[in-house]
Amino acid sequence: MNIIKLNLEGDGCWNDLKDKINTDQIIWMKDGVIHIAALSKGMKSGKPSISIRLNLPDGRVVVAETSMQLFLTAAAAMNIKYEKELQ
């Protein structure tokens, strides 16, 4: 199962991609759809997981899965960090 690496100070993150901007190595989805599905028993343990799907412009599809617990923990951390800005 995939892990979530959460960066709560994400401005300017992914400096390793700086030299790849405007190349075919980066697909920047500004207007795409991010599909998220809850899988009731997606984990081997029988616990729920989530699946994230990105349909790429060239027709390929990226699917990533992680535990629902990790996904919700990441969402809760972001909510705590930006709670005031979201009101």
N, C-alpha and C. Protein backbone atom coordinates (compact mmCIF):
# COMPACT_ATOMS: atom_id res chain seq x y z
N MET A 1 0.85 -1.18 0.00
CA MET A 1 0.00 0.00 0.00
C MET A 1 0.89 1.24 0.00
N ASN A 2 0.48 2.24 -0.73
CA ASN A 2 1.22 3.50 -0.79
C ASN A 2 1.17 4.22 0.54
N ILE A 3 2.16 5.06 0.78
CA ILE A 3 2.16 5.93 1.95
C ILE A 3 1.84 7.35 1.50
N ILE A 4 1.52 8.20 2.43
CA ILE A 4 1.30 9.62 2.13
C ILE A 4 2.44 10.39 2.76
N LYS A 5 3.15 11.16 1.97
CA LYS A 5 4.19 12.05 2.47
C LYS A 5 3.59 13.45 2.43
N LEU A 6 3.22 13.95 3.59
CA LEU A 6 2.50 15.22 3.70
C LEU A 6 3.47 16.34 3.98
N ASN A 7 3.36 17.42 3.23
CA ASN A 7 4.17 18.62 3.44
C ASN A 7 3.21 19.76 3.73
N LEU A 8 3.15 20.18 4.98
CA LEU A 8 2.25 21.27 5.36
C LEU A 8 2.83 22.64 5.04
N GLU A 9 4.07 22.69 4.59
CA GLU A 9 4.71 23.93 4.15
C GLU A 9 5.08 23.76 2.68
N GLY A 10 4.08 23.57 1.84
CA GLY A 10 4.29 23.14 0.47
C GLY A 10 4.66 24.22 -0.53
N ASP A 11 4.60 25.49 -0.17
CA ASP A 11 4.98 26.54 -1.12
C ASP A 11 6.43 26.34 -1.55
N GLY A 12 6.64 26.24 -2.85
CA GLY A 12 7.99 26.04 -3.36
C GLY A 12 8.49 24.61 -3.25
N CYS A 13 7.58 23.69 -2.96
CA CYS A 13 8.01 22.29 -2.83
C CYS A 13 8.35 21.71 -4.20
N TRP A 14 8.91 20.56 -4.19
CA TRP A 14 9.29 19.81 -5.39
C TRP A 14 10.28 20.57 -6.26
N ASN A 15 11.31 21.10 -5.60
CA ASN A 15 12.38 21.78 -6.34
C ASN A 15 13.06 20.86 -7.33
N ASP A 16 12.97 19.55 -7.11
CA ASP A 16 13.58 18.61 -8.03
C ASP A 16 12.91 18.62 -9.40
N LEU A 17 11.74 19.22 -9.50
CA LEU A 17 11.03 19.28 -10.77
C LEU A 17 11.29 20.57 -11.55
N LYS A 18 12.03 21.51 -10.93
CA LYS A 18 12.25 22.82 -11.54
C LYS A 18 12.78 22.73 -12.97
N ASP A 19 13.76 21.87 -13.20
CA ASP A 19 14.37 21.75 -14.52
C ASP A 19 13.52 20.94 -15.50
N LYS A 20 12.41 20.39 -15.02
CA LYS A 20 11.56 19.56 -15.88
C LYS A 20 10.29 20.28 -16.31
N ILE A 21 10.08 21.51 -15.82
CA ILE A 21 8.89 22.28 -16.20
C ILE A 21 8.94 22.55 -17.70
N ASN A 22 7.79 22.47 -18.33
CA ASN A 22 7.65 22.64 -19.78
C ASN A 22 8.38 21.57 -20.58
N THR A 23 8.52 20.38 -19.98
CA THR A 23 9.05 19.24 -20.72
C THR A 23 7.98 18.15 -20.68
N ASP A 24 8.23 17.07 -21.41
CA ASP A 24 7.26 15.97 -21.42
C ASP A 24 7.38 15.11 -20.16
N GLN A 25 8.25 15.48 -19.23
CA GLN A 25 8.40 14.72 -17.99
C GLN A 25 7.38 15.11 -16.93
N ILE A 26 6.71 16.24 -17.12
CA ILE A 26 5.70 16.68 -16.15
C ILE A 26 4.38 16.87 -16.88
N ILE A 27 3.34 16.31 -16.32
CA ILE A 27 1.98 16.53 -16.81
C ILE A 27 1.28 17.33 -15.72
N TRP A 28 1.02 18.59 -16.00
CA TRP A 28 0.42 19.48 -15.01
C TRP A 28 -1.08 19.52 -15.26
N MET A 29 -1.85 18.93 -14.37
CA MET A 29 -3.31 18.87 -14.55
C MET A 29 -3.95 20.03 -13.79
N LYS A 30 -4.19 21.11 -14.50
CA LYS A 30 -4.81 22.28 -13.88
C LYS A 30 -6.33 22.23 -13.97
N ASP A 31 -6.84 21.61 -15.00
CA ASP A 31 -8.29 21.59 -15.21
C ASP A 31 -8.84 20.18 -15.26
N GLY A 32 -8.09 19.22 -14.80
CA GLY A 32 -8.54 17.83 -14.84
C GLY A 32 -9.49 17.51 -13.69
N VAL A 33 -9.85 16.27 -13.64
CA VAL A 33 -10.72 15.77 -12.57
C VAL A 33 -9.91 14.80 -11.73
N ILE A 34 -9.94 14.97 -10.43
CA ILE A 34 -9.30 14.03 -9.50
C ILE A 34 -10.42 13.16 -8.95
N HIS A 35 -10.36 11.88 -9.27
CA HIS A 35 -11.37 10.94 -8.80
C HIS A 35 -10.87 10.30 -7.51
N ILE A 36 -11.70 10.28 -6.48
CA ILE A 36 -11.37 9.61 -5.23
C ILE A 36 -12.50 8.65 -4.90
N ALA A 37 -12.14 7.40 -4.67
CA ALA A 37 -13.15 6.39 -4.35
C ALA A 37 -12.83 5.76 -3.01
N ALA A 38 -13.85 5.55 -2.21
CA ALA A 38 -13.71 4.84 -0.93
C ALA A 38 -13.93 3.35 -1.19
N LEU A 39 -12.98 2.55 -0.73
CA LEU A 39 -13.07 1.10 -0.90
C LEU A 39 -13.32 0.49 0.47
N SER A 40 -14.50 -0.05 0.67
CA SER A 40 -14.93 -0.45 2.02
C SER A 40 -14.01 -1.48 2.68
N LYS A 41 -13.44 -2.37 1.90
CA LYS A 41 -12.54 -3.38 2.46
C LYS A 41 -11.28 -3.47 1.61
N GLY A 42 -10.73 -2.32 1.29
CA GLY A 42 -9.59 -2.26 0.37
C GLY A 42 -8.28 -2.76 0.93
N MET A 43 -8.14 -2.81 2.23
CA MET A 43 -6.89 -3.25 2.85
C MET A 43 -6.92 -4.76 3.07
N LYS A 44 -5.77 -5.38 3.11
CA LYS A 44 -5.70 -6.81 3.40
C LYS A 44 -6.34 -7.12 4.74
N SER A 45 -6.27 -6.17 5.66
CA SER A 45 -6.85 -6.35 6.99
C SER A 45 -8.37 -6.27 6.97
N GLY A 46 -8.94 -5.83 5.84
CA GLY A 46 -10.39 -5.64 5.76
C GLY A 46 -10.81 -4.22 6.08
N LYS A 47 -9.85 -3.37 6.46
CA LYS A 47 -10.16 -1.96 6.74
C LYS A 47 -10.33 -1.20 5.44
N PRO A 48 -11.00 -0.04 5.49
CA PRO A 48 -11.22 0.73 4.27
C PRO A 48 -9.94 1.40 3.75
N SER A 49 -9.91 1.60 2.45
CA SER A 49 -8.83 2.33 1.80
C SER A 49 -9.46 3.32 0.83
N ILE A 50 -8.62 4.10 0.19
CA ILE A 50 -9.11 5.01 -0.85
C ILE A 50 -8.28 4.78 -2.11
N SER A 51 -8.89 5.08 -3.21
CA SER A 51 -8.25 4.99 -4.51
C SER A 51 -8.36 6.36 -5.17
N ILE A 52 -7.24 6.85 -5.70
CA ILE A 52 -7.22 8.14 -6.40
C ILE A 52 -6.88 7.86 -7.85
N ARG A 53 -7.68 8.41 -8.75
CA ARG A 53 -7.49 8.18 -10.19
C ARG A 53 -7.30 9.52 -10.90
N LEU A 54 -6.27 9.57 -11.74
CA LEU A 54 -6.02 10.74 -12.58
C LEU A 54 -6.00 10.27 -14.03
N ASN A 55 -6.88 10.79 -14.85
CA ASN A 55 -6.89 10.50 -16.28
C ASN A 55 -5.95 11.50 -16.95
N LEU A 56 -4.85 11.02 -17.51
CA LEU A 56 -3.86 11.89 -18.12
C LEU A 56 -4.31 12.32 -19.51
N PRO A 57 -3.86 13.49 -19.96
CA PRO A 57 -4.28 13.99 -21.27
C PRO A 57 -3.96 13.06 -22.43
N ASP A 58 -2.93 12.23 -22.29
CA ASP A 58 -2.55 11.33 -23.38
C ASP A 58 -3.32 10.01 -23.35
N GLY A 59 -4.29 9.89 -22.45
CA GLY A 59 -5.12 8.69 -22.36
C GLY A 59 -4.67 7.69 -21.30
N ARG A 60 -3.45 7.85 -20.79
CA ARG A 60 -3.02 6.96 -19.72
C ARG A 60 -3.74 7.35 -18.43
N VAL A 61 -3.76 6.42 -17.50
CA VAL A 61 -4.45 6.64 -16.23
C VAL A 61 -3.49 6.29 -15.09
N VAL A 62 -3.46 7.15 -14.07
CA VAL A 62 -2.69 6.88 -12.86
C VAL A 62 -3.68 6.54 -11.76
N VAL A 63 -3.47 5.42 -11.09
CA VAL A 63 -4.30 5.03 -9.95
C VAL A 63 -3.36 4.78 -8.77
N ALA A 64 -3.66 5.45 -7.65
CA ALA A 64 -2.89 5.26 -6.42
C ALA A 64 -3.86 4.92 -5.31
N GLU A 65 -3.45 4.02 -4.44
CA GLU A 65 -4.29 3.64 -3.30
C GLU A 65 -3.51 3.84 -2.02
N THR A 66 -4.23 4.17 -0.96
CA THR A 66 -3.65 4.25 0.37
C THR A 66 -4.75 3.95 1.38
N SER A 67 -4.37 3.80 2.60
CA SER A 67 -5.39 3.49 3.61
C SER A 67 -6.25 4.72 3.87
N MET A 68 -7.50 4.50 4.18
CA MET A 68 -8.38 5.61 4.51
C MET A 68 -7.87 6.32 5.75
N GLN A 69 -7.31 5.56 6.68
CA GLN A 69 -6.79 6.16 7.91
C GLN A 69 -5.68 7.17 7.59
N LEU A 70 -4.75 6.82 6.71
CA LEU A 70 -3.69 7.76 6.33
C LEU A 70 -4.26 8.97 5.61
N PHE A 71 -5.20 8.75 4.70
CA PHE A 71 -5.82 9.83 3.93
C PHE A 71 -6.53 10.81 4.87
N LEU A 72 -7.30 10.27 5.81
CA LEU A 72 -8.04 11.13 6.74
C LEU A 72 -7.10 11.84 7.71
N THR A 73 -6.02 11.19 8.10
CA THR A 73 -5.04 11.83 8.97
C THR A 73 -4.39 13.01 8.25
N ALA A 74 -4.05 12.83 6.98
CA ALA A 74 -3.48 13.92 6.19
C ALA A 74 -4.48 15.07 6.05
N ALA A 75 -5.73 14.75 5.77
CA ALA A 75 -6.77 15.78 5.65
C ALA A 75 -6.97 16.52 6.97
N ALA A 76 -6.95 15.80 8.08
CA ALA A 76 -7.12 16.43 9.39
C ALA A 76 -5.96 17.36 9.69
N ALA A 77 -4.74 16.96 9.36
CA ALA A 77 -3.57 17.81 9.59
C ALA A 77 -3.66 19.10 8.77
N MET A 78 -4.07 18.99 7.52
CA MET A 78 -4.23 20.19 6.68
C MET A 78 -5.35 21.07 7.21
N ASN A 79 -6.42 20.46 7.67
CA ASN A 79 -7.54 21.22 8.23
C ASN A 79 -7.10 22.01 9.46
N ILE A 80 -6.34 21.37 10.33
CA ILE A 80 -5.84 22.06 11.53
C ILE A 80 -4.93 23.22 11.13
N LYS A 81 -4.03 22.99 10.19
CA LYS A 81 -3.08 24.02 9.75
C LYS A 81 -3.79 25.22 9.13
N TYR A 82 -4.83 24.98 8.32
CA TYR A 82 -5.46 26.05 7.55
C TYR A 82 -6.89 26.34 7.99
N GLU A 83 -7.25 25.93 9.17
CA GLU A 83 -8.62 26.08 9.66
C GLU A 83 -9.11 27.52 9.56
N LYS A 84 -8.30 28.48 9.98
CA LYS A 84 -8.71 29.89 9.94
C LYS A 84 -8.88 30.41 8.53
N GLU A 85 -7.97 30.01 7.63
CA GLU A 85 -8.04 30.47 6.24
C GLU A 85 -9.26 29.90 5.51
N LEU A 86 -9.76 28.75 5.96
CA LEU A 86 -10.87 28.09 5.30
C LEU A 86 -12.23 28.63 5.74
N GLN A 87 -12.25 29.43 6.77
CA GLN A 87 -13.53 29.96 7.28
C GLN A 87 -13.97 31.17 6.52
